[in-house]
Amino acid sequence: MLLNYYCGTMLETLISSKTRIKLLMKFFLNAKSRAYLRNLEAEFGDSTNGIRVELNKFEQAGLLQAEIVGNKKYYKANQLHPLYSEIHSILLKHIGLDQVIDEIIVKMGDLQQVYIVGDFAKGIDSNIIDLLIVGENVNSTYLMKLIAKVEGMIKRKLSFLILNPLETITFLLNKKENEYLLLWEK
């Protein structure tokens, strides 16, 4: 819990640009996220100039890759960059997901996978974290107690959906790749 606090305050201290933090969340929480400038402007509610400056810095540093499709320049995280996994890990600690997963895995029963879905999977910061928990005979009573505890630790609300593996396949087939993020797998 203390590590999560320090990572959370550390990120805002080290990175004073709110736009830069939003871009890191957008592209480095889920590597499948991709977006273009106008799309980011609408999503962030920031000026295109501020976003463009930050995108250019990330692209020049090799953290983002760009691809032109039609008349739009799409950006995505460069997963081959040496700092990609470190940035991803810091962001998970920043929002507290590392603690959620650790707590769930230890005591939940026959878990097979844990996904994040919803806004966070798309790289959009939110006060609600949506989890998809995949397994058989998942202890939902324990999960409810755990949710209350973890929400207090990470200062965010958690919602969850428990599905068996077959139901999960159907659920994920109806989602785009950037709408879910595998956090843990057995």
N, C-alpha and C. Protein backbone atom coordinates (compact mmCIF):
# COMPACT_ATOMS: atom_id res chain seq x y z
N MET A 1 0.83 -1.18 0.00
CA MET A 1 0.00 0.00 0.00
C MET A 1 0.88 1.25 0.00
N LEU A 2 1.95 1.23 0.80
CA LEU A 2 2.84 2.37 0.86
C LEU A 2 3.53 2.60 -0.49
N LEU A 3 3.92 1.48 -1.15
CA LEU A 3 4.55 1.61 -2.46
C LEU A 3 3.60 2.26 -3.45
N ASN A 4 2.32 1.86 -3.42
CA ASN A 4 1.33 2.46 -4.31
C ASN A 4 1.21 3.96 -4.06
N TYR A 5 1.22 4.37 -2.79
CA TYR A 5 1.15 5.80 -2.47
C TYR A 5 2.33 6.55 -3.07
N TYR A 6 3.54 6.01 -2.86
CA TYR A 6 4.73 6.68 -3.37
C TYR A 6 4.74 6.71 -4.90
N CYS A 7 4.32 5.62 -5.55
CA CYS A 7 4.28 5.61 -7.02
C CYS A 7 3.27 6.61 -7.54
N GLY A 8 2.13 6.72 -6.86
CA GLY A 8 1.10 7.67 -7.29
C GLY A 8 1.58 9.10 -7.19
N THR A 9 2.14 9.47 -6.04
CA THR A 9 2.61 10.85 -5.88
C THR A 9 3.86 11.09 -6.69
N MET A 10 4.68 10.05 -6.86
CA MET A 10 5.90 10.18 -7.64
C MET A 10 5.59 10.56 -9.09
N LEU A 11 4.58 9.93 -9.66
CA LEU A 11 4.27 10.19 -11.06
C LEU A 11 3.90 11.65 -11.28
N GLU A 12 3.05 12.19 -10.43
CA GLU A 12 2.67 13.60 -10.57
C GLU A 12 3.84 14.53 -10.28
N THR A 13 4.74 14.12 -9.39
CA THR A 13 5.91 14.95 -9.06
C THR A 13 6.91 14.94 -10.21
N LEU A 14 7.16 13.76 -10.76
CA LEU A 14 8.13 13.65 -11.84
C LEU A 14 7.62 14.20 -13.16
N ILE A 15 6.34 14.04 -13.39
CA ILE A 15 5.75 14.46 -14.65
C ILE A 15 4.69 15.51 -14.35
N SER A 16 5.06 16.76 -14.53
CA SER A 16 4.14 17.85 -14.19
C SER A 16 3.08 18.09 -15.27
N SER A 17 3.31 17.60 -16.48
CA SER A 17 2.35 17.81 -17.55
C SER A 17 1.21 16.80 -17.46
N LYS A 18 0.01 17.29 -17.24
CA LYS A 18 -1.15 16.41 -17.17
C LYS A 18 -1.41 15.73 -18.52
N THR A 19 -1.12 16.44 -19.60
CA THR A 19 -1.28 15.85 -20.93
C THR A 19 -0.32 14.69 -21.11
N ARG A 20 0.91 14.84 -20.65
CA ARG A 20 1.90 13.78 -20.77
C ARG A 20 1.46 12.55 -19.98
N ILE A 21 0.91 12.75 -18.78
CA ILE A 21 0.43 11.62 -17.98
C ILE A 21 -0.73 10.94 -18.68
N LYS A 22 -1.65 11.71 -19.25
CA LYS A 22 -2.78 11.13 -19.98
C LYS A 22 -2.30 10.30 -21.16
N LEU A 23 -1.28 10.79 -21.87
CA LEU A 23 -0.75 10.04 -23.02
C LEU A 23 -0.07 8.75 -22.56
N LEU A 24 0.67 8.81 -21.48
CA LEU A 24 1.29 7.59 -20.95
C LEU A 24 0.22 6.57 -20.58
N MET A 25 -0.84 7.02 -19.91
CA MET A 25 -1.93 6.12 -19.54
C MET A 25 -2.59 5.54 -20.80
N LYS A 26 -2.81 6.38 -21.78
CA LYS A 26 -3.49 5.96 -23.00
C LYS A 26 -2.72 4.86 -23.72
N PHE A 27 -1.42 5.08 -23.90
CA PHE A 27 -0.65 4.17 -24.74
C PHE A 27 0.10 3.07 -23.98
N PHE A 28 0.43 3.28 -22.71
CA PHE A 28 1.28 2.32 -22.02
C PHE A 28 0.55 1.41 -21.05
N LEU A 29 -0.72 1.66 -20.76
CA LEU A 29 -1.49 0.69 -19.99
C LEU A 29 -1.85 -0.49 -20.88
N ASN A 30 -2.29 -0.19 -22.08
CA ASN A 30 -2.67 -1.23 -23.03
C ASN A 30 -1.95 -0.96 -24.35
N ALA A 31 -1.00 -1.81 -24.69
CA ALA A 31 -0.19 -1.60 -25.89
C ALA A 31 -1.01 -1.65 -27.17
N LYS A 32 -2.22 -2.16 -27.11
CA LYS A 32 -3.05 -2.22 -28.31
C LYS A 32 -3.77 -0.91 -28.59
N SER A 33 -3.68 0.02 -27.65
CA SER A 33 -4.32 1.32 -27.86
C SER A 33 -3.61 2.10 -28.94
N ARG A 34 -4.38 2.70 -29.80
CA ARG A 34 -3.83 3.59 -30.82
C ARG A 34 -4.83 4.71 -31.03
N ALA A 35 -4.31 5.86 -31.38
CA ALA A 35 -5.18 7.03 -31.52
C ALA A 35 -4.51 8.06 -32.41
N TYR A 36 -5.31 8.98 -32.91
CA TYR A 36 -4.79 10.09 -33.69
C TYR A 36 -5.11 11.39 -32.95
N LEU A 37 -4.51 12.48 -33.39
CA LEU A 37 -4.53 13.74 -32.66
C LEU A 37 -5.95 14.22 -32.32
N ARG A 38 -6.83 14.32 -33.31
CA ARG A 38 -8.18 14.84 -33.06
C ARG A 38 -8.96 13.94 -32.10
N ASN A 39 -8.74 12.64 -32.20
CA ASN A 39 -9.36 11.68 -31.30
C ASN A 39 -8.91 11.95 -29.87
N LEU A 40 -7.62 12.21 -29.69
CA LEU A 40 -7.07 12.50 -28.36
C LEU A 40 -7.57 13.84 -27.83
N GLU A 41 -7.72 14.81 -28.72
CA GLU A 41 -8.23 16.12 -28.31
C GLU A 41 -9.64 15.97 -27.71
N ALA A 42 -10.48 15.21 -28.38
CA ALA A 42 -11.85 15.01 -27.89
C ALA A 42 -11.84 14.20 -26.58
N GLU A 43 -11.00 13.20 -26.50
CA GLU A 43 -10.94 12.34 -25.32
C GLU A 43 -10.39 13.08 -24.10
N PHE A 44 -9.32 13.85 -24.28
CA PHE A 44 -8.66 14.52 -23.17
C PHE A 44 -9.28 15.87 -22.83
N GLY A 45 -9.91 16.51 -23.81
CA GLY A 45 -10.43 17.85 -23.60
C GLY A 45 -9.31 18.89 -23.53
N ASP A 46 -8.17 18.57 -24.13
CA ASP A 46 -7.01 19.47 -24.16
C ASP A 46 -6.86 20.05 -25.56
N SER A 47 -6.00 21.05 -25.67
CA SER A 47 -5.77 21.67 -26.98
C SER A 47 -4.93 20.75 -27.87
N THR A 48 -5.17 20.83 -29.17
CA THR A 48 -4.39 20.01 -30.10
C THR A 48 -2.91 20.38 -30.05
N ASN A 49 -2.60 21.67 -29.86
CA ASN A 49 -1.20 22.08 -29.80
C ASN A 49 -0.45 21.40 -28.67
N GLY A 50 -1.02 21.41 -27.47
CA GLY A 50 -0.39 20.78 -26.32
C GLY A 50 -0.20 19.28 -26.52
N ILE A 51 -1.21 18.64 -27.06
CA ILE A 51 -1.14 17.20 -27.31
C ILE A 51 -0.10 16.91 -28.38
N ARG A 52 -0.10 17.71 -29.46
CA ARG A 52 0.85 17.51 -30.56
C ARG A 52 2.30 17.61 -30.07
N VAL A 53 2.57 18.61 -29.25
CA VAL A 53 3.92 18.79 -28.72
C VAL A 53 4.37 17.54 -27.95
N GLU A 54 3.49 17.03 -27.10
CA GLU A 54 3.84 15.84 -26.30
C GLU A 54 3.98 14.60 -27.18
N LEU A 55 3.09 14.43 -28.16
CA LEU A 55 3.20 13.30 -29.08
C LEU A 55 4.53 13.33 -29.83
N ASN A 56 4.91 14.52 -30.28
CA ASN A 56 6.18 14.65 -31.01
C ASN A 56 7.37 14.29 -30.12
N LYS A 57 7.33 14.72 -28.86
CA LYS A 57 8.42 14.39 -27.93
C LYS A 57 8.51 12.88 -27.72
N PHE A 58 7.36 12.23 -27.50
CA PHE A 58 7.35 10.78 -27.31
C PHE A 58 7.81 10.05 -28.57
N GLU A 59 7.41 10.55 -29.73
CA GLU A 59 7.81 9.91 -30.98
C GLU A 59 9.32 10.08 -31.20
N GLN A 60 9.85 11.26 -30.95
CA GLN A 60 11.28 11.51 -31.11
C GLN A 60 12.10 10.67 -30.14
N ALA A 61 11.56 10.41 -28.96
CA ALA A 61 12.27 9.59 -27.97
C ALA A 61 12.15 8.09 -28.28
N GLY A 62 11.32 7.75 -29.27
CA GLY A 62 11.14 6.35 -29.63
C GLY A 62 10.12 5.62 -28.78
N LEU A 63 9.43 6.33 -27.90
CA LEU A 63 8.43 5.69 -27.05
C LEU A 63 7.14 5.40 -27.80
N LEU A 64 6.83 6.23 -28.81
CA LEU A 64 5.65 6.02 -29.63
C LEU A 64 6.05 5.77 -31.07
N GLN A 65 5.26 4.98 -31.75
CA GLN A 65 5.42 4.76 -33.18
C GLN A 65 4.22 5.40 -33.86
N ALA A 66 4.45 5.91 -35.06
CA ALA A 66 3.38 6.56 -35.80
C ALA A 66 3.19 5.86 -37.14
N GLU A 67 1.93 5.85 -37.58
CA GLU A 67 1.58 5.26 -38.87
C GLU A 67 0.52 6.15 -39.50
N ILE A 68 0.70 6.49 -40.76
CA ILE A 68 -0.27 7.33 -41.45
C ILE A 68 -1.24 6.42 -42.20
N VAL A 69 -2.52 6.62 -41.89
CA VAL A 69 -3.59 5.88 -42.54
C VAL A 69 -4.55 6.92 -43.09
N GLY A 70 -4.63 6.99 -44.42
CA GLY A 70 -5.43 8.04 -45.05
C GLY A 70 -4.81 9.38 -44.73
N ASN A 71 -5.60 10.25 -44.15
CA ASN A 71 -5.06 11.57 -43.78
C ASN A 71 -4.85 11.70 -42.27
N LYS A 72 -4.83 10.57 -41.56
CA LYS A 72 -4.66 10.60 -40.11
C LYS A 72 -3.35 9.91 -39.72
N LYS A 73 -2.69 10.50 -38.74
CA LYS A 73 -1.46 9.94 -38.20
C LYS A 73 -1.81 9.26 -36.87
N TYR A 74 -1.75 7.93 -36.86
CA TYR A 74 -2.08 7.15 -35.68
C TYR A 74 -0.82 6.88 -34.87
N TYR A 75 -0.95 6.96 -33.56
CA TYR A 75 0.15 6.70 -32.64
C TYR A 75 -0.15 5.46 -31.82
N LYS A 76 0.90 4.75 -31.46
CA LYS A 76 0.79 3.62 -30.53
C LYS A 76 2.11 3.46 -29.80
N ALA A 77 2.09 2.76 -28.68
CA ALA A 77 3.30 2.55 -27.88
C ALA A 77 4.29 1.68 -28.65
N ASN A 78 5.55 2.00 -28.52
CA ASN A 78 6.62 1.18 -29.08
C ASN A 78 6.99 0.12 -28.04
N GLN A 79 6.44 -1.07 -28.20
CA GLN A 79 6.67 -2.15 -27.23
C GLN A 79 8.11 -2.64 -27.24
N LEU A 80 8.86 -2.30 -28.26
CA LEU A 80 10.25 -2.72 -28.33
C LEU A 80 11.20 -1.74 -27.63
N HIS A 81 10.68 -0.61 -27.21
CA HIS A 81 11.51 0.37 -26.52
C HIS A 81 11.95 -0.24 -25.19
N PRO A 82 13.23 -0.05 -24.81
CA PRO A 82 13.74 -0.65 -23.57
C PRO A 82 12.99 -0.24 -22.31
N LEU A 83 12.32 0.91 -22.33
CA LEU A 83 11.60 1.37 -21.14
C LEU A 83 10.12 1.01 -21.15
N TYR A 84 9.64 0.37 -22.21
CA TYR A 84 8.21 0.08 -22.31
C TYR A 84 7.69 -0.68 -21.08
N SER A 85 8.31 -1.80 -20.74
CA SER A 85 7.80 -2.62 -19.63
C SER A 85 7.92 -1.89 -18.30
N GLU A 86 8.95 -1.06 -18.15
CA GLU A 86 9.10 -0.30 -16.91
C GLU A 86 8.00 0.75 -16.77
N ILE A 87 7.71 1.45 -17.85
CA ILE A 87 6.64 2.46 -17.82
C ILE A 87 5.30 1.79 -17.54
N HIS A 88 5.06 0.66 -18.19
CA HIS A 88 3.82 -0.10 -17.97
C HIS A 88 3.69 -0.48 -16.49
N SER A 89 4.76 -0.97 -15.93
CA SER A 89 4.76 -1.38 -14.52
C SER A 89 4.51 -0.20 -13.59
N ILE A 90 5.14 0.93 -13.85
CA ILE A 90 4.93 2.12 -13.02
C ILE A 90 3.47 2.57 -13.08
N LEU A 91 2.88 2.53 -14.27
CA LEU A 91 1.47 2.93 -14.41
C LEU A 91 0.55 1.99 -13.65
N LEU A 92 0.83 0.69 -13.69
CA LEU A 92 0.01 -0.26 -12.93
C LEU A 92 0.11 0.03 -11.44
N LYS A 93 1.29 0.35 -10.98
CA LYS A 93 1.47 0.71 -9.56
C LYS A 93 0.77 2.03 -9.26
N HIS A 94 0.85 2.97 -10.18
CA HIS A 94 0.23 4.28 -10.00
C HIS A 94 -1.27 4.16 -9.76
N ILE A 95 -1.94 3.32 -10.51
CA ILE A 95 -3.39 3.19 -10.35
C ILE A 95 -3.78 2.09 -9.38
N GLY A 96 -2.80 1.31 -8.90
CA GLY A 96 -3.07 0.31 -7.88
C GLY A 96 -3.45 -1.06 -8.40
N LEU A 97 -3.40 -1.28 -9.71
CA LEU A 97 -3.81 -2.57 -10.25
C LEU A 97 -2.89 -3.71 -9.84
N ASP A 98 -1.63 -3.42 -9.59
CA ASP A 98 -0.72 -4.47 -9.17
C ASP A 98 -1.19 -5.08 -7.85
N GLN A 99 -1.68 -4.25 -6.93
CA GLN A 99 -2.17 -4.74 -5.65
C GLN A 99 -3.48 -5.51 -5.80
N VAL A 100 -4.35 -5.04 -6.68
CA VAL A 100 -5.62 -5.74 -6.92
C VAL A 100 -5.34 -7.17 -7.36
N ILE A 101 -4.47 -7.32 -8.33
CA ILE A 101 -4.18 -8.65 -8.87
C ILE A 101 -3.54 -9.54 -7.82
N ASP A 102 -2.54 -9.02 -7.10
CA ASP A 102 -1.88 -9.82 -6.07
C ASP A 102 -2.88 -10.34 -5.04
N GLU A 103 -3.77 -9.48 -4.57
CA GLU A 103 -4.75 -9.86 -3.56
C GLU A 103 -5.74 -10.89 -4.11
N ILE A 104 -6.21 -10.69 -5.32
CA ILE A 104 -7.20 -11.59 -5.90
C ILE A 104 -6.63 -12.98 -6.12
N ILE A 105 -5.45 -13.06 -6.68
CA ILE A 105 -4.86 -14.33 -7.06
C ILE A 105 -4.65 -15.24 -5.86
N VAL A 106 -4.19 -14.67 -4.77
CA VAL A 106 -3.83 -15.47 -3.61
C VAL A 106 -5.01 -16.23 -3.02
N LYS A 107 -6.17 -15.60 -2.93
CA LYS A 107 -7.26 -16.18 -2.14
C LYS A 107 -8.57 -16.42 -2.88
N MET A 108 -8.58 -16.32 -4.18
CA MET A 108 -9.85 -16.34 -4.89
C MET A 108 -10.34 -17.70 -5.33
N GLY A 109 -9.53 -18.71 -5.30
CA GLY A 109 -10.01 -20.00 -5.77
C GLY A 109 -9.38 -20.35 -7.10
N ASP A 110 -10.17 -20.99 -7.97
CA ASP A 110 -9.65 -21.49 -9.25
C ASP A 110 -9.72 -20.40 -10.32
N LEU A 111 -8.82 -19.45 -10.22
CA LEU A 111 -8.75 -18.37 -11.21
C LEU A 111 -7.90 -18.81 -12.39
N GLN A 112 -8.30 -18.38 -13.58
CA GLN A 112 -7.51 -18.68 -14.77
C GLN A 112 -6.95 -17.41 -15.40
N GLN A 113 -7.73 -16.34 -15.36
CA GLN A 113 -7.30 -15.08 -15.98
C GLN A 113 -7.98 -13.92 -15.26
N VAL A 114 -7.33 -12.76 -15.33
CA VAL A 114 -7.93 -11.52 -14.88
C VAL A 114 -7.67 -10.48 -15.97
N TYR A 115 -8.73 -9.85 -16.42
CA TYR A 115 -8.65 -8.81 -17.44
C TYR A 115 -9.11 -7.49 -16.87
N ILE A 116 -8.60 -6.41 -17.43
CA ILE A 116 -9.19 -5.11 -17.18
C ILE A 116 -9.97 -4.76 -18.45
N VAL A 117 -11.19 -4.29 -18.27
CA VAL A 117 -12.03 -3.90 -19.40
C VAL A 117 -12.52 -2.48 -19.13
N GLY A 118 -13.19 -1.89 -20.08
CA GLY A 118 -13.71 -0.55 -19.88
C GLY A 118 -12.69 0.52 -20.17
N ASP A 119 -12.85 1.67 -19.51
CA ASP A 119 -12.02 2.83 -19.82
C ASP A 119 -10.53 2.58 -19.64
N PHE A 120 -10.14 1.94 -18.54
CA PHE A 120 -8.71 1.73 -18.31
C PHE A 120 -8.08 0.86 -19.39
N ALA A 121 -8.81 -0.10 -19.90
CA ALA A 121 -8.28 -0.94 -20.98
C ALA A 121 -8.01 -0.12 -22.23
N LYS A 122 -8.78 0.95 -22.40
CA LYS A 122 -8.59 1.84 -23.54
C LYS A 122 -7.54 2.91 -23.26
N GLY A 123 -7.01 2.90 -22.03
CA GLY A 123 -6.01 3.89 -21.66
C GLY A 123 -6.60 5.21 -21.19
N ILE A 124 -7.86 5.18 -20.78
CA ILE A 124 -8.53 6.38 -20.30
C ILE A 124 -8.61 6.31 -18.78
N ASP A 125 -8.04 7.31 -18.11
CA ASP A 125 -8.07 7.33 -16.66
C ASP A 125 -9.51 7.47 -16.18
N SER A 126 -9.83 6.74 -15.13
CA SER A 126 -11.20 6.73 -14.64
C SER A 126 -11.19 6.47 -13.14
N ASN A 127 -12.26 6.83 -12.47
CA ASN A 127 -12.38 6.51 -11.05
C ASN A 127 -12.91 5.11 -10.82
N ILE A 128 -13.31 4.44 -11.91
CA ILE A 128 -13.84 3.08 -11.81
C ILE A 128 -12.95 2.14 -12.62
N ILE A 129 -12.55 1.05 -12.00
CA ILE A 129 -11.77 0.02 -12.68
C ILE A 129 -12.68 -1.18 -12.88
N ASP A 130 -12.89 -1.57 -14.13
CA ASP A 130 -13.73 -2.71 -14.47
C ASP A 130 -12.86 -3.94 -14.68
N LEU A 131 -13.15 -5.00 -13.91
CA LEU A 131 -12.38 -6.23 -14.01
C LEU A 131 -13.25 -7.35 -14.56
N LEU A 132 -12.64 -8.20 -15.36
CA LEU A 132 -13.26 -9.45 -15.81
C LEU A 132 -12.45 -10.56 -15.16
N ILE A 133 -13.10 -11.34 -14.33
CA ILE A 133 -12.44 -12.42 -13.61
C ILE A 133 -12.90 -13.74 -14.22
N VAL A 134 -11.94 -14.53 -14.66
CA VAL A 134 -12.24 -15.78 -15.36
C VAL A 134 -11.84 -16.94 -14.48
N GLY A 135 -12.80 -17.83 -14.23
CA GLY A 135 -12.50 -19.00 -13.43
C GLY A 135 -13.74 -19.80 -13.11
N GLU A 136 -13.51 -20.89 -12.42
CA GLU A 136 -14.60 -21.77 -11.97
C GLU A 136 -14.67 -21.69 -10.45
N ASN A 137 -15.86 -21.72 -9.91
CA ASN A 137 -16.05 -21.72 -8.45
C ASN A 137 -15.31 -20.58 -7.76
N VAL A 138 -15.42 -19.39 -8.32
CA VAL A 138 -14.77 -18.23 -7.74
C VAL A 138 -15.53 -17.84 -6.47
N ASN A 139 -14.81 -17.57 -5.42
CA ASN A 139 -15.38 -17.23 -4.12
C ASN A 139 -15.87 -15.78 -4.16
N SER A 140 -17.14 -15.59 -4.54
CA SER A 140 -17.68 -14.24 -4.70
C SER A 140 -17.87 -13.53 -3.36
N THR A 141 -18.11 -14.27 -2.29
CA THR A 141 -18.23 -13.64 -0.97
C THR A 141 -16.89 -13.02 -0.58
N TYR A 142 -15.83 -13.78 -0.75
CA TYR A 142 -14.50 -13.24 -0.46
C TYR A 142 -14.19 -12.06 -1.38
N LEU A 143 -14.58 -12.18 -2.64
CA LEU A 143 -14.32 -11.12 -3.61
C LEU A 143 -14.96 -9.81 -3.17
N MET A 144 -16.18 -9.86 -2.68
CA MET A 144 -16.87 -8.64 -2.23
C MET A 144 -16.12 -7.98 -1.07
N LYS A 145 -15.64 -8.79 -0.12
CA LYS A 145 -14.85 -8.25 0.99
C LYS A 145 -13.55 -7.65 0.47
N LEU A 146 -12.94 -8.34 -0.46
CA LEU A 146 -11.67 -7.88 -1.02
C LEU A 146 -11.85 -6.57 -1.78
N ILE A 147 -12.92 -6.47 -2.52
CA ILE A 147 -13.20 -5.25 -3.30
C ILE A 147 -13.26 -4.04 -2.37
N ALA A 148 -13.99 -4.17 -1.26
CA ALA A 148 -14.10 -3.06 -0.31
C ALA A 148 -12.73 -2.67 0.23
N LYS A 149 -11.91 -3.64 0.55
CA LYS A 149 -10.57 -3.38 1.08
C LYS A 149 -9.68 -2.70 0.04
N VAL A 150 -9.68 -3.23 -1.16
CA VAL A 150 -8.81 -2.71 -2.21
C VAL A 150 -9.24 -1.32 -2.64
N GLU A 151 -10.55 -1.07 -2.70
CA GLU A 151 -11.03 0.27 -3.07
C GLU A 151 -10.47 1.33 -2.12
N GLY A 152 -10.41 1.01 -0.85
CA GLY A 152 -9.84 1.94 0.11
C GLY A 152 -8.36 2.16 -0.11
N MET A 153 -7.65 1.12 -0.52
CA MET A 153 -6.22 1.22 -0.74
C MET A 153 -5.89 2.04 -1.98
N ILE A 154 -6.64 1.83 -3.04
CA ILE A 154 -6.28 2.47 -4.31
C ILE A 154 -7.09 3.73 -4.61
N LYS A 155 -8.06 4.04 -3.76
CA LYS A 155 -8.88 5.25 -3.90
C LYS A 155 -9.62 5.30 -5.25
N ARG A 156 -10.09 4.13 -5.68
CA ARG A 156 -10.89 4.01 -6.90
C ARG A 156 -11.96 2.95 -6.66
N LYS A 157 -13.05 3.03 -7.36
CA LYS A 157 -14.10 2.03 -7.28
C LYS A 157 -13.74 0.87 -8.21
N LEU A 158 -14.14 -0.33 -7.81
CA LEU A 158 -13.93 -1.52 -8.63
C LEU A 158 -15.28 -2.14 -8.97
N SER A 159 -15.44 -2.51 -10.21
CA SER A 159 -16.60 -3.31 -10.59
C SER A 159 -16.04 -4.58 -11.24
N PHE A 160 -16.79 -5.65 -11.16
CA PHE A 160 -16.26 -6.90 -11.69
C PHE A 160 -17.36 -7.74 -12.31
N LEU A 161 -16.93 -8.62 -13.17
CA LEU A 161 -17.78 -9.59 -13.81
C LEU A 161 -17.04 -10.91 -13.74
N ILE A 162 -17.69 -11.96 -13.24
CA ILE A 162 -17.07 -13.28 -13.15
C ILE A 162 -17.67 -14.14 -14.25
N LEU A 163 -16.81 -14.69 -15.10
CA LEU A 163 -17.25 -15.57 -16.18
C LEU A 163 -16.41 -16.84 -16.18
N ASN A 164 -17.02 -17.93 -16.68
CA ASN A 164 -16.22 -19.13 -16.87
C ASN A 164 -15.46 -18.99 -18.20
N PRO A 165 -14.51 -19.86 -18.48
CA PRO A 165 -13.70 -19.70 -19.71
C PRO A 165 -14.50 -19.65 -21.00
N LEU A 166 -15.54 -20.45 -21.12
CA LEU A 166 -16.35 -20.45 -22.34
C LEU A 166 -17.10 -19.13 -22.50
N GLU A 167 -17.68 -18.64 -21.43
CA GLU A 167 -18.38 -17.35 -21.47
C GLU A 167 -17.41 -16.21 -21.81
N THR A 168 -16.19 -16.34 -21.33
CA THR A 168 -15.18 -15.31 -21.58
C THR A 168 -14.86 -15.20 -23.06
N ILE A 169 -14.77 -16.31 -23.74
CA ILE A 169 -14.48 -16.30 -25.19
C ILE A 169 -15.55 -15.50 -25.91
N THR A 170 -16.82 -15.78 -25.62
CA THR A 170 -17.93 -15.05 -26.24
C THR A 170 -17.87 -13.57 -25.90
N PHE A 171 -17.62 -13.27 -24.64
CA PHE A 171 -17.55 -11.88 -24.18
C PHE A 171 -16.46 -11.12 -24.94
N LEU A 172 -15.27 -11.70 -25.04
CA LEU A 172 -14.14 -11.01 -25.66
C LEU A 172 -14.28 -10.92 -27.19
N LEU A 173 -14.98 -11.86 -27.79
CA LEU A 173 -15.22 -11.79 -29.24
C LEU A 173 -16.04 -10.56 -29.61
N ASN A 174 -16.83 -10.06 -28.67
CA ASN A 174 -17.66 -8.89 -28.91
C ASN A 174 -16.95 -7.58 -28.57
N LYS A 175 -15.66 -7.66 -28.24
CA LYS A 175 -14.88 -6.49 -27.88
C LYS A 175 -13.78 -6.27 -28.92
N LYS A 176 -13.37 -5.02 -29.08
CA LYS A 176 -12.21 -4.71 -29.90
C LYS A 176 -10.97 -5.02 -29.07
N GLU A 177 -9.82 -5.22 -29.75
CA GLU A 177 -8.58 -5.58 -29.04
C GLU A 177 -8.17 -4.56 -27.99
N ASN A 178 -8.46 -3.28 -28.23
CA ASN A 178 -8.05 -2.27 -27.26
C ASN A 178 -9.07 -2.07 -26.14
N GLU A 179 -10.11 -2.92 -26.09
CA GLU A 179 -11.14 -2.79 -25.06
C GLU A 179 -10.96 -3.78 -23.92
N TYR A 180 -9.91 -4.58 -23.97
CA TYR A 180 -9.59 -5.48 -22.87
C TYR A 180 -8.08 -5.65 -22.79
N LEU A 181 -7.64 -5.91 -21.57
CA LEU A 181 -6.21 -6.04 -21.30
C LEU A 181 -5.99 -7.16 -20.32
N LEU A 182 -5.27 -8.18 -20.74
CA LEU A 182 -4.96 -9.31 -19.86
C LEU A 182 -3.95 -8.86 -18.81
N LEU A 183 -4.34 -8.96 -17.53
CA LEU A 183 -3.44 -8.56 -16.45
C LEU A 183 -2.72 -9.74 -15.85
N TRP A 184 -3.39 -10.88 -15.81
CA TRP A 184 -2.81 -12.06 -15.18
C TRP A 184 -3.38 -13.31 -15.84
N GLU A 185 -2.53 -14.32 -15.94
CA GLU A 185 -2.99 -15.61 -16.48
C GLU A 185 -2.27 -16.71 -15.75
N LYS A 186 -3.02 -17.76 -15.45
CA LYS A 186 -2.47 -18.92 -14.75
C LYS A 186 -1.43 -19.62 -15.57
